[in-house]
């Protein structure tokens, strides 16, 4: 019953905001890194969370460990937050590979940095940590999209990481088909 209510809430958010979503559930796997473009407002986050509820996906995301204190800690854990110690001996890629290996189902959501630019600021190329994690964990990269101009979003495809530069070009091309410009190096 709770799952059904969460799905209804997710669909209601899309209806209330006038957005549409498109997803082929067969694209999804048990383990994956999920990235999303175009990140233009906080509404993108709300719509993404709504879509995850509709798809019944338990997600995880990286959050600096310093935020996991006091009353915020249980909330962040409930939302799938993973505390990351950037000063630890193990790098983040190794930490994430261990989590993928320890779980039968694991969805790591990463918004590549530099996807939002302040007014008048030049956009920087996306960061590639998501690719390195997916490659090392041997999982696909799921491509989510949100196009504020058309009010359409969803999941447009997946790639299996093989060659960084070729994969970035492929990501750029796939997003371009949906009217989204992904800046790569």
N, C-alpha and C. Protein backbone atom coordinates (compact mmCIF):
# COMPACT_ATOMS: atom_id res chain seq x y z
N UNK A 1 0.82 -1.20 0.00
CA UNK A 1 0.00 0.00 0.00
C UNK A 1 0.87 1.26 0.00
N UNK A 2 1.95 1.25 0.80
CA UNK A 2 2.82 2.42 0.86
C UNK A 2 3.49 2.64 -0.49
N UNK A 3 3.92 1.56 -1.15
CA UNK A 3 4.56 1.68 -2.46
C UNK A 3 3.58 2.30 -3.46
N UNK A 4 2.32 1.84 -3.44
CA UNK A 4 1.31 2.38 -4.35
C UNK A 4 1.09 3.87 -4.09
N UNK A 5 1.06 4.25 -2.83
CA UNK A 5 0.86 5.67 -2.49
C UNK A 5 2.03 6.51 -2.95
N UNK A 6 3.25 5.98 -2.81
CA UNK A 6 4.44 6.72 -3.25
C UNK A 6 4.45 6.87 -4.77
N UNK A 7 3.99 5.84 -5.48
CA UNK A 7 3.90 5.93 -6.94
C UNK A 7 2.87 6.98 -7.35
N UNK A 8 1.73 6.99 -6.67
CA UNK A 8 0.69 7.98 -6.96
C UNK A 8 1.21 9.39 -6.68
N UNK A 9 1.93 9.55 -5.58
CA UNK A 9 2.51 10.85 -5.26
C UNK A 9 3.49 11.28 -6.35
N UNK A 10 4.34 10.36 -6.79
CA UNK A 10 5.29 10.65 -7.86
C UNK A 10 4.59 11.11 -9.12
N UNK A 11 3.56 10.38 -9.53
CA UNK A 11 2.80 10.75 -10.73
C UNK A 11 2.09 12.09 -10.55
N UNK A 12 1.61 12.34 -9.34
CA UNK A 12 0.93 13.61 -9.05
C UNK A 12 1.87 14.80 -9.19
N UNK A 13 3.12 14.62 -8.80
CA UNK A 13 4.11 15.70 -8.92
C UNK A 13 4.30 16.06 -10.39
N UNK A 14 4.39 15.05 -11.24
CA UNK A 14 4.53 15.33 -12.68
C UNK A 14 3.29 16.05 -13.21
N UNK A 15 2.13 15.57 -12.82
CA UNK A 15 0.88 16.19 -13.30
C UNK A 15 0.76 17.63 -12.81
N UNK A 16 1.07 17.87 -11.54
CA UNK A 16 0.94 19.21 -10.96
C UNK A 16 1.91 20.21 -11.60
N UNK A 17 3.07 19.74 -12.02
CA UNK A 17 4.07 20.64 -12.60
C UNK A 17 3.95 20.75 -14.12
N UNK A 18 3.07 19.93 -14.71
CA UNK A 18 2.88 19.98 -16.16
C UNK A 18 3.98 19.27 -16.95
N UNK A 19 4.75 18.45 -16.27
CA UNK A 19 5.83 17.71 -16.92
C UNK A 19 5.33 16.34 -17.34
N UNK A 20 5.98 15.78 -18.36
CA UNK A 20 5.73 14.41 -18.80
C UNK A 20 7.02 13.62 -18.64
N UNK A 21 6.89 12.33 -18.43
CA UNK A 21 8.07 11.49 -18.35
C UNK A 21 7.91 10.29 -19.27
N UNK A 22 9.05 9.79 -19.74
CA UNK A 22 9.08 8.63 -20.62
C UNK A 22 10.19 7.70 -20.14
N UNK A 23 9.82 6.45 -19.91
CA UNK A 23 10.79 5.48 -19.41
C UNK A 23 10.47 4.11 -20.01
N UNK A 24 11.49 3.44 -20.49
CA UNK A 24 11.38 2.04 -20.86
C UNK A 24 11.99 1.28 -19.69
N UNK A 25 11.15 0.66 -18.84
CA UNK A 25 11.68 -0.01 -17.64
C UNK A 25 12.70 -1.11 -17.94
N UNK A 26 12.71 -1.62 -19.18
CA UNK A 26 13.66 -2.67 -19.54
C UNK A 26 15.09 -2.14 -19.62
N UNK A 27 15.24 -0.83 -19.67
CA UNK A 27 16.58 -0.22 -19.68
C UNK A 27 17.28 -0.44 -18.35
N UNK A 28 16.49 -0.45 -17.28
CA UNK A 28 17.05 -0.52 -15.93
C UNK A 28 17.59 -1.91 -15.61
N UNK A 29 18.62 -1.93 -14.78
CA UNK A 29 19.21 -3.18 -14.33
C UNK A 29 19.23 -3.19 -12.80
N UNK A 30 19.72 -4.26 -12.22
CA UNK A 30 19.78 -4.35 -10.76
C UNK A 30 20.84 -3.43 -10.16
N UNK A 31 21.90 -3.19 -10.92
CA UNK A 31 22.99 -2.33 -10.46
C UNK A 31 23.31 -1.37 -11.58
N UNK A 32 23.46 -0.05 -11.24
CA UNK A 32 23.73 0.95 -12.26
C UNK A 32 24.12 2.28 -11.63
N UNK A 33 24.83 3.06 -12.42
CA UNK A 33 25.10 4.45 -12.08
C UNK A 33 24.14 5.28 -12.92
N UNK A 34 23.40 6.16 -12.28
CA UNK A 34 22.41 6.98 -12.98
C UNK A 34 22.90 8.42 -12.98
N UNK A 35 22.96 9.01 -14.18
CA UNK A 35 23.33 10.42 -14.29
C UNK A 35 22.18 11.17 -14.93
N UNK A 36 22.16 12.49 -14.75
CA UNK A 36 21.09 13.27 -15.33
C UNK A 36 21.51 14.64 -15.78
N UNK A 37 20.92 15.05 -16.89
CA UNK A 37 21.10 16.40 -17.44
C UNK A 37 19.72 16.86 -17.88
N UNK A 38 19.36 17.88 -17.93
CA UNK A 38 20.00 19.16 -17.74
C UNK A 38 19.62 19.63 -16.36
N UNK A 39 20.54 20.02 -15.57
CA UNK A 39 20.25 20.44 -14.19
C UNK A 39 20.17 21.96 -14.17
N UNK A 40 18.94 22.46 -14.27
CA UNK A 40 18.75 23.92 -14.36
C UNK A 40 18.09 24.52 -13.13
N UNK A 41 17.42 23.69 -12.31
CA UNK A 41 16.77 24.22 -11.12
C UNK A 41 16.60 23.10 -10.10
N UNK A 42 16.14 23.47 -8.91
CA UNK A 42 15.89 22.46 -7.88
C UNK A 42 14.69 21.58 -8.22
N UNK A 43 13.83 22.05 -9.16
CA UNK A 43 12.71 21.23 -9.60
C UNK A 43 13.21 19.93 -10.22
N UNK A 44 14.39 19.97 -10.86
CA UNK A 44 14.96 18.76 -11.45
C UNK A 44 15.13 17.67 -10.39
N UNK A 45 15.57 18.06 -9.22
CA UNK A 45 15.77 17.10 -8.13
C UNK A 45 14.43 16.51 -7.70
N UNK A 46 13.43 17.35 -7.55
CA UNK A 46 12.10 16.89 -7.13
C UNK A 46 11.52 15.93 -8.17
N UNK A 47 11.65 16.29 -9.45
CA UNK A 47 11.14 15.42 -10.51
C UNK A 47 11.90 14.10 -10.56
N UNK A 48 13.21 14.14 -10.35
CA UNK A 48 14.00 12.91 -10.33
C UNK A 48 13.54 12.00 -9.20
N UNK A 49 13.36 12.57 -8.02
CA UNK A 49 12.91 11.76 -6.88
C UNK A 49 11.52 11.19 -7.15
N UNK A 50 10.64 11.98 -7.77
CA UNK A 50 9.30 11.50 -8.13
C UNK A 50 9.40 10.33 -9.10
N UNK A 51 10.27 10.45 -10.09
CA UNK A 51 10.45 9.37 -11.07
C UNK A 51 10.99 8.11 -10.41
N UNK A 52 11.92 8.26 -9.49
CA UNK A 52 12.44 7.09 -8.78
C UNK A 52 11.34 6.39 -7.98
N UNK A 53 10.42 7.17 -7.41
CA UNK A 53 9.29 6.58 -6.69
C UNK A 53 8.37 5.83 -7.65
N UNK A 54 8.09 6.42 -8.81
CA UNK A 54 7.24 5.77 -9.81
C UNK A 54 7.85 4.44 -10.24
N UNK A 55 9.17 4.44 -10.43
CA UNK A 55 9.88 3.24 -10.88
C UNK A 55 10.23 2.28 -9.75
N UNK A 56 9.92 2.67 -8.51
CA UNK A 56 10.22 1.88 -7.32
C UNK A 56 11.71 1.59 -7.19
N UNK A 57 12.52 2.61 -7.47
CA UNK A 57 13.97 2.49 -7.37
C UNK A 57 14.47 3.05 -6.05
N UNK A 58 15.15 2.24 -5.29
CA UNK A 58 15.85 2.72 -4.10
C UNK A 58 17.17 3.27 -4.59
N UNK A 59 17.39 4.55 -4.35
CA UNK A 59 18.60 5.19 -4.85
C UNK A 59 19.56 5.54 -3.73
N UNK A 60 20.80 5.77 -4.14
CA UNK A 60 21.85 6.21 -3.22
C UNK A 60 22.59 7.35 -3.91
N UNK A 61 23.10 8.25 -3.12
CA UNK A 61 23.88 9.35 -3.67
C UNK A 61 24.99 9.73 -2.70
N UNK A 62 26.05 10.29 -3.22
CA UNK A 62 27.21 10.64 -2.42
C UNK A 62 27.00 11.99 -1.74
N UNK A 63 27.27 12.03 -0.44
CA UNK A 63 27.15 13.25 0.34
C UNK A 63 28.35 13.33 1.28
N UNK A 64 28.94 14.51 1.40
CA UNK A 64 30.12 14.60 2.27
C UNK A 64 29.76 14.22 3.71
N UNK A 65 30.66 13.47 4.34
CA UNK A 65 30.40 12.85 5.65
C UNK A 65 30.11 13.87 6.74
N UNK A 66 30.61 15.08 6.57
CA UNK A 66 30.41 16.10 7.60
C UNK A 66 28.93 16.43 7.83
N UNK A 67 28.08 16.16 6.85
CA UNK A 67 26.65 16.45 6.99
C UNK A 67 25.91 15.37 7.79
N UNK A 68 26.54 14.22 8.01
CA UNK A 68 25.91 13.11 8.71
C UNK A 68 26.09 13.25 10.21
N UNK A 69 25.55 14.34 10.76
CA UNK A 69 25.63 14.61 12.20
C UNK A 69 24.26 15.01 12.71
N UNK A 70 24.01 14.72 13.98
CA UNK A 70 22.78 15.15 14.62
C UNK A 70 21.53 14.64 13.94
N UNK A 71 20.47 15.46 13.97
CA UNK A 71 19.18 15.00 13.43
C UNK A 71 19.18 14.82 11.90
N UNK A 72 20.16 15.38 11.22
CA UNK A 72 20.24 15.24 9.77
C UNK A 72 20.68 13.84 9.35
N UNK A 73 21.45 13.16 10.21
CA UNK A 73 22.01 11.85 9.86
C UNK A 73 20.93 10.83 9.48
N UNK A 74 19.90 10.59 10.32
CA UNK A 74 18.90 9.57 9.94
C UNK A 74 18.12 9.94 8.68
N UNK A 75 17.89 11.22 8.48
CA UNK A 75 17.18 11.66 7.28
C UNK A 75 18.01 11.38 6.02
N UNK A 76 19.29 11.74 6.07
CA UNK A 76 20.16 11.51 4.92
C UNK A 76 20.31 10.02 4.63
N UNK A 77 20.39 9.20 5.68
CA UNK A 77 20.50 7.76 5.49
C UNK A 77 19.22 7.20 4.88
N UNK A 78 18.08 7.69 5.35
CA UNK A 78 16.78 7.23 4.83
C UNK A 78 16.62 7.60 3.35
N UNK A 79 17.18 8.73 2.96
CA UNK A 79 17.11 9.18 1.57
C UNK A 79 18.16 8.51 0.67
N UNK A 80 18.97 7.63 1.26
CA UNK A 80 19.96 6.90 0.46
C UNK A 80 21.30 7.59 0.38
N UNK A 81 21.53 8.54 1.27
CA UNK A 81 22.81 9.23 1.28
C UNK A 81 23.94 8.31 1.72
N UNK A 82 25.07 8.45 1.07
CA UNK A 82 26.27 7.69 1.42
C UNK A 82 27.32 8.69 1.88
N UNK A 83 27.72 8.60 3.16
CA UNK A 83 28.74 9.53 3.63
C UNK A 83 30.09 9.24 2.97
N UNK A 84 30.68 10.26 2.42
CA UNK A 84 31.96 10.11 1.73
C UNK A 84 33.04 10.89 2.47
N UNK A 85 34.09 10.18 2.82
CA UNK A 85 35.24 10.80 3.46
C UNK A 85 36.29 11.03 2.37
N UNK A 86 36.38 12.26 1.93
CA UNK A 86 37.30 12.57 0.83
C UNK A 86 38.77 12.52 1.27
N UNK A 87 39.00 12.39 2.57
CA UNK A 87 40.37 12.32 3.07
C UNK A 87 40.77 10.89 3.43
N UNK A 88 39.87 9.93 3.18
CA UNK A 88 40.15 8.54 3.54
C UNK A 88 41.24 7.96 2.66
N UNK A 89 41.83 6.86 3.14
CA UNK A 89 42.87 6.18 2.38
C UNK A 89 42.34 5.63 1.05
N UNK A 90 41.08 5.17 1.08
CA UNK A 90 40.48 4.63 -0.14
C UNK A 90 39.85 5.77 -0.94
N UNK A 91 40.03 5.73 -2.25
CA UNK A 91 39.39 6.73 -3.07
C UNK A 91 37.90 6.41 -3.21
N UNK A 92 37.13 7.36 -3.69
CA UNK A 92 35.68 7.20 -3.80
C UNK A 92 35.31 6.08 -4.77
N UNK A 93 36.05 5.94 -5.85
CA UNK A 93 35.76 4.87 -6.81
C UNK A 93 35.84 3.52 -6.10
N UNK A 94 36.89 3.29 -5.35
CA UNK A 94 37.06 2.02 -4.64
C UNK A 94 35.93 1.81 -3.63
N UNK A 95 35.57 2.87 -2.90
CA UNK A 95 34.47 2.77 -1.93
C UNK A 95 33.17 2.37 -2.62
N UNK A 96 32.88 2.97 -3.79
CA UNK A 96 31.63 2.68 -4.49
C UNK A 96 31.64 1.27 -5.09
N UNK A 97 32.78 0.82 -5.60
CA UNK A 97 32.88 -0.54 -6.14
C UNK A 97 32.57 -1.54 -5.04
N UNK A 98 33.07 -1.30 -3.84
CA UNK A 98 32.79 -2.19 -2.71
C UNK A 98 31.29 -2.25 -2.43
N UNK A 99 30.60 -1.09 -2.48
CA UNK A 99 29.16 -1.08 -2.24
C UNK A 99 28.41 -1.82 -3.35
N UNK A 100 28.82 -1.64 -4.59
CA UNK A 100 28.19 -2.40 -5.68
C UNK A 100 28.38 -3.90 -5.45
N UNK A 101 29.57 -4.31 -5.05
CA UNK A 101 29.86 -5.73 -4.84
C UNK A 101 29.11 -6.31 -3.65
N UNK A 102 28.80 -5.49 -2.65
CA UNK A 102 28.12 -5.96 -1.43
C UNK A 102 26.61 -6.04 -1.58
N UNK A 103 26.04 -5.50 -2.65
CA UNK A 103 24.59 -5.42 -2.79
C UNK A 103 24.10 -6.09 -4.07
N UNK A 104 22.94 -6.76 -3.98
CA UNK A 104 22.33 -7.36 -5.16
C UNK A 104 21.65 -6.31 -6.04
N UNK A 105 21.17 -5.25 -5.40
CA UNK A 105 20.53 -4.14 -6.11
C UNK A 105 21.20 -2.86 -5.60
N UNK A 106 21.67 -2.03 -6.52
CA UNK A 106 22.31 -0.79 -6.08
C UNK A 106 22.23 0.23 -7.21
N UNK A 107 21.60 1.35 -6.91
CA UNK A 107 21.42 2.45 -7.86
C UNK A 107 22.12 3.68 -7.32
N UNK A 108 23.24 4.03 -7.92
CA UNK A 108 24.01 5.20 -7.49
C UNK A 108 23.67 6.36 -8.42
N UNK A 109 23.10 7.41 -7.86
CA UNK A 109 22.71 8.59 -8.64
C UNK A 109 23.77 9.67 -8.46
N UNK A 110 24.26 10.16 -9.60
CA UNK A 110 25.28 11.20 -9.56
C UNK A 110 24.89 12.30 -10.54
N UNK A 111 24.85 13.53 -10.07
CA UNK A 111 24.67 14.68 -10.96
C UNK A 111 26.08 15.19 -11.24
N UNK A 112 26.58 14.93 -12.46
CA UNK A 112 27.95 15.37 -12.75
C UNK A 112 28.12 16.86 -12.47
N UNK A 113 29.16 17.20 -11.74
CA UNK A 113 29.39 18.59 -11.38
C UNK A 113 29.51 19.45 -12.63
N UNK A 114 29.31 20.74 -12.43
CA UNK A 114 29.44 21.73 -13.49
C UNK A 114 28.28 21.66 -14.48
N UNK A 115 27.16 21.04 -14.07
CA UNK A 115 26.03 21.00 -14.99
C UNK A 115 25.16 22.25 -14.84
N UNK A 116 25.31 22.97 -13.74
CA UNK A 116 24.58 24.22 -13.56
C UNK A 116 25.59 25.36 -13.55
N UNK A 117 25.31 26.38 -14.34
CA UNK A 117 26.17 27.57 -14.34
C UNK A 117 25.32 28.75 -13.91
N UNK A 118 25.91 29.60 -13.10
CA UNK A 118 25.21 30.81 -12.69
C UNK A 118 25.06 31.72 -13.89
N UNK A 119 24.08 32.60 -13.82
CA UNK A 119 23.84 33.52 -14.93
C UNK A 119 25.13 34.22 -15.36
N UNK A 120 25.39 34.17 -16.65
CA UNK A 120 26.56 34.84 -17.20
C UNK A 120 27.85 34.06 -17.09
N UNK A 121 27.83 32.93 -16.38
CA UNK A 121 29.02 32.11 -16.19
C UNK A 121 29.11 31.06 -17.29
N UNK A 122 30.27 30.84 -17.80
CA UNK A 122 30.46 29.80 -18.80
C UNK A 122 30.37 28.43 -18.14
N UNK A 123 29.66 27.51 -18.78
CA UNK A 123 29.57 26.15 -18.26
C UNK A 123 30.90 25.45 -18.42
N UNK A 124 31.24 24.67 -17.42
CA UNK A 124 32.47 23.88 -17.46
C UNK A 124 32.12 22.48 -17.97
N UNK A 125 33.11 21.76 -18.50
CA UNK A 125 32.85 20.38 -18.92
C UNK A 125 32.43 19.53 -17.72
N UNK A 126 31.65 18.50 -17.99
CA UNK A 126 31.20 17.62 -16.91
C UNK A 126 32.37 16.88 -16.29
N UNK A 127 32.19 16.51 -15.03
CA UNK A 127 33.19 15.70 -14.34
C UNK A 127 32.94 14.24 -14.71
N UNK A 128 33.95 13.43 -14.67
CA UNK A 128 33.83 12.06 -15.17
C UNK A 128 33.89 10.99 -14.09
N UNK A 129 33.74 11.37 -12.83
CA UNK A 129 33.77 10.38 -11.75
C UNK A 129 32.73 9.29 -11.93
N UNK A 130 31.54 9.65 -12.43
CA UNK A 130 30.48 8.67 -12.64
C UNK A 130 30.96 7.56 -13.58
N UNK A 131 31.71 7.94 -14.62
CA UNK A 131 32.20 6.98 -15.61
C UNK A 131 33.21 6.03 -14.96
N UNK A 132 34.12 6.59 -14.18
CA UNK A 132 35.16 5.78 -13.53
C UNK A 132 34.53 4.78 -12.54
N UNK A 133 33.50 5.22 -11.83
CA UNK A 133 32.82 4.31 -10.89
C UNK A 133 32.14 3.19 -11.66
N UNK A 134 31.37 3.54 -12.70
CA UNK A 134 30.66 2.53 -13.48
C UNK A 134 31.62 1.54 -14.13
N UNK A 135 32.70 2.04 -14.67
CA UNK A 135 33.70 1.18 -15.33
C UNK A 135 34.32 0.21 -14.33
N UNK A 136 34.75 0.72 -13.19
CA UNK A 136 35.39 -0.12 -12.18
C UNK A 136 34.42 -1.13 -11.57
N UNK A 137 33.14 -0.74 -11.44
CA UNK A 137 32.13 -1.64 -10.86
C UNK A 137 31.51 -2.56 -11.90
N UNK A 138 31.86 -2.33 -13.18
CA UNK A 138 31.32 -3.13 -14.27
C UNK A 138 29.79 -3.06 -14.33
N UNK A 139 29.27 -1.83 -14.24
CA UNK A 139 27.82 -1.61 -14.32
C UNK A 139 27.54 -0.56 -15.41
N UNK A 140 26.31 -0.53 -15.92
CA UNK A 140 25.99 0.45 -16.96
C UNK A 140 25.74 1.84 -16.37
N UNK A 141 25.79 2.81 -17.27
CA UNK A 141 25.44 4.19 -16.93
C UNK A 141 24.07 4.45 -17.54
N UNK A 142 23.11 4.79 -16.70
CA UNK A 142 21.74 5.09 -17.13
C UNK A 142 21.65 6.60 -17.32
N UNK A 143 21.09 7.01 -18.46
CA UNK A 143 21.02 8.42 -18.82
C UNK A 143 19.62 8.98 -18.60
N UNK A 144 19.48 9.82 -17.57
CA UNK A 144 18.21 10.51 -17.31
C UNK A 144 18.27 11.87 -17.97
N UNK A 145 17.10 12.44 -18.25
CA UNK A 145 17.06 13.79 -18.81
C UNK A 145 15.88 14.57 -18.26
N UNK A 146 16.04 15.87 -18.27
CA UNK A 146 14.99 16.81 -17.91
C UNK A 146 15.18 18.03 -18.79
N UNK A 147 14.25 18.26 -19.69
CA UNK A 147 14.34 19.40 -20.60
C UNK A 147 13.29 20.42 -20.18
N UNK A 148 13.73 21.48 -19.53
CA UNK A 148 12.82 22.50 -18.99
C UNK A 148 12.03 23.20 -20.09
N UNK A 149 12.61 23.33 -21.28
CA UNK A 149 11.91 24.02 -22.38
C UNK A 149 10.70 23.23 -22.86
N UNK A 150 10.83 21.90 -22.91
CA UNK A 150 9.73 21.06 -23.40
C UNK A 150 8.91 20.45 -22.26
N UNK A 151 9.40 20.57 -21.03
CA UNK A 151 8.78 19.97 -19.85
C UNK A 151 8.64 18.45 -20.01
N UNK A 152 9.69 17.86 -20.56
CA UNK A 152 9.71 16.41 -20.71
C UNK A 152 10.98 15.86 -20.07
N UNK A 153 10.84 14.69 -19.49
CA UNK A 153 11.98 14.06 -18.86
C UNK A 153 11.82 12.57 -18.84
N UNK A 154 12.81 11.91 -18.31
CA UNK A 154 12.75 10.46 -18.20
C UNK A 154 14.11 9.83 -18.33
N UNK A 155 14.11 8.63 -18.86
CA UNK A 155 15.34 7.90 -19.08
C UNK A 155 15.46 7.67 -20.58
N UNK A 156 16.58 8.09 -21.15
CA UNK A 156 16.71 8.01 -22.60
C UNK A 156 17.59 6.87 -23.07
N UNK A 157 18.32 6.23 -22.18
CA UNK A 157 19.14 5.11 -22.62
C UNK A 157 20.18 4.72 -21.58
N UNK A 158 21.07 3.84 -22.02
CA UNK A 158 22.18 3.41 -21.15
C UNK A 158 23.37 3.09 -22.02
N UNK A 159 24.51 3.21 -21.40
CA UNK A 159 25.75 2.80 -22.06
C UNK A 159 26.57 1.96 -21.09
N UNK A 160 27.36 1.08 -21.65
CA UNK A 160 28.30 0.31 -20.85
C UNK A 160 29.67 0.93 -21.07
N UNK A 161 30.31 1.42 -20.02
CA UNK A 161 31.57 2.12 -20.19
C UNK A 161 32.67 1.24 -20.76
N UNK A 162 33.32 1.79 -21.79
CA UNK A 162 34.44 1.07 -22.41
C UNK A 162 35.64 1.99 -22.58
N UNK A 163 35.44 3.10 -23.27
CA UNK A 163 36.50 4.07 -23.53
C UNK A 163 35.98 5.46 -23.14
N UNK A 164 36.67 6.12 -22.24
CA UNK A 164 36.16 7.37 -21.68
C UNK A 164 35.77 8.39 -22.76
N UNK A 165 36.68 8.73 -23.65
CA UNK A 165 36.39 9.78 -24.62
C UNK A 165 35.27 9.38 -25.57
N UNK A 166 35.29 8.14 -26.04
CA UNK A 166 34.22 7.68 -26.93
C UNK A 166 32.88 7.67 -26.21
N UNK A 167 32.88 7.26 -24.95
CA UNK A 167 31.63 7.22 -24.19
C UNK A 167 31.09 8.62 -23.93
N UNK A 168 31.98 9.57 -23.65
CA UNK A 168 31.53 10.95 -23.45
C UNK A 168 30.92 11.51 -24.74
N UNK A 169 31.52 11.20 -25.86
CA UNK A 169 30.97 11.63 -27.16
C UNK A 169 29.59 11.02 -27.38
N UNK A 170 29.46 9.75 -27.03
CA UNK A 170 28.17 9.06 -27.18
C UNK A 170 27.11 9.70 -26.27
N UNK A 171 27.49 10.00 -25.03
CA UNK A 171 26.57 10.65 -24.09
C UNK A 171 26.13 11.99 -24.66
N UNK A 172 27.07 12.77 -25.15
CA UNK A 172 26.76 14.08 -25.72
C UNK A 172 25.77 13.94 -26.89
N UNK A 173 26.02 12.97 -27.76
CA UNK A 173 25.15 12.75 -28.93
C UNK A 173 23.75 12.31 -28.50
N UNK A 174 23.66 11.39 -27.56
CA UNK A 174 22.36 10.91 -27.10
C UNK A 174 21.54 12.04 -26.47
N UNK A 175 22.18 12.85 -25.65
CA UNK A 175 21.45 13.96 -25.03
C UNK A 175 21.06 15.01 -26.06
N UNK A 176 21.89 15.23 -27.06
CA UNK A 176 21.59 16.21 -28.11
C UNK A 176 20.30 15.86 -28.82
N UNK A 177 20.00 14.57 -28.97
CA UNK A 177 18.76 14.14 -29.61
C UNK A 177 17.54 14.61 -28.83
N UNK A 178 17.71 14.92 -27.55
CA UNK A 178 16.63 15.41 -26.70
C UNK A 178 16.72 16.91 -26.45
N UNK A 179 17.55 17.57 -27.22
CA UNK A 179 17.69 19.02 -27.12
C UNK A 179 18.51 19.49 -25.94
N UNK A 180 19.37 18.63 -25.42
CA UNK A 180 20.17 18.96 -24.24
C UNK A 180 21.65 18.96 -24.64
N UNK A 181 22.31 20.07 -24.36
CA UNK A 181 23.73 20.21 -24.68
C UNK A 181 24.57 19.82 -23.47
N UNK A 182 25.34 18.76 -23.61
CA UNK A 182 26.25 18.30 -22.57
C UNK A 182 27.65 18.73 -22.98
N UNK A 183 28.28 19.52 -22.16
CA UNK A 183 29.63 20.02 -22.48
C UNK A 183 30.65 19.03 -21.96
N UNK A 184 31.47 18.51 -22.90
CA UNK A 184 32.53 17.57 -22.52
C UNK A 184 33.88 18.21 -22.85
N UNK A 185 34.93 17.59 -22.32
CA UNK A 185 36.28 18.11 -22.56
C UNK A 185 36.75 17.78 -23.95
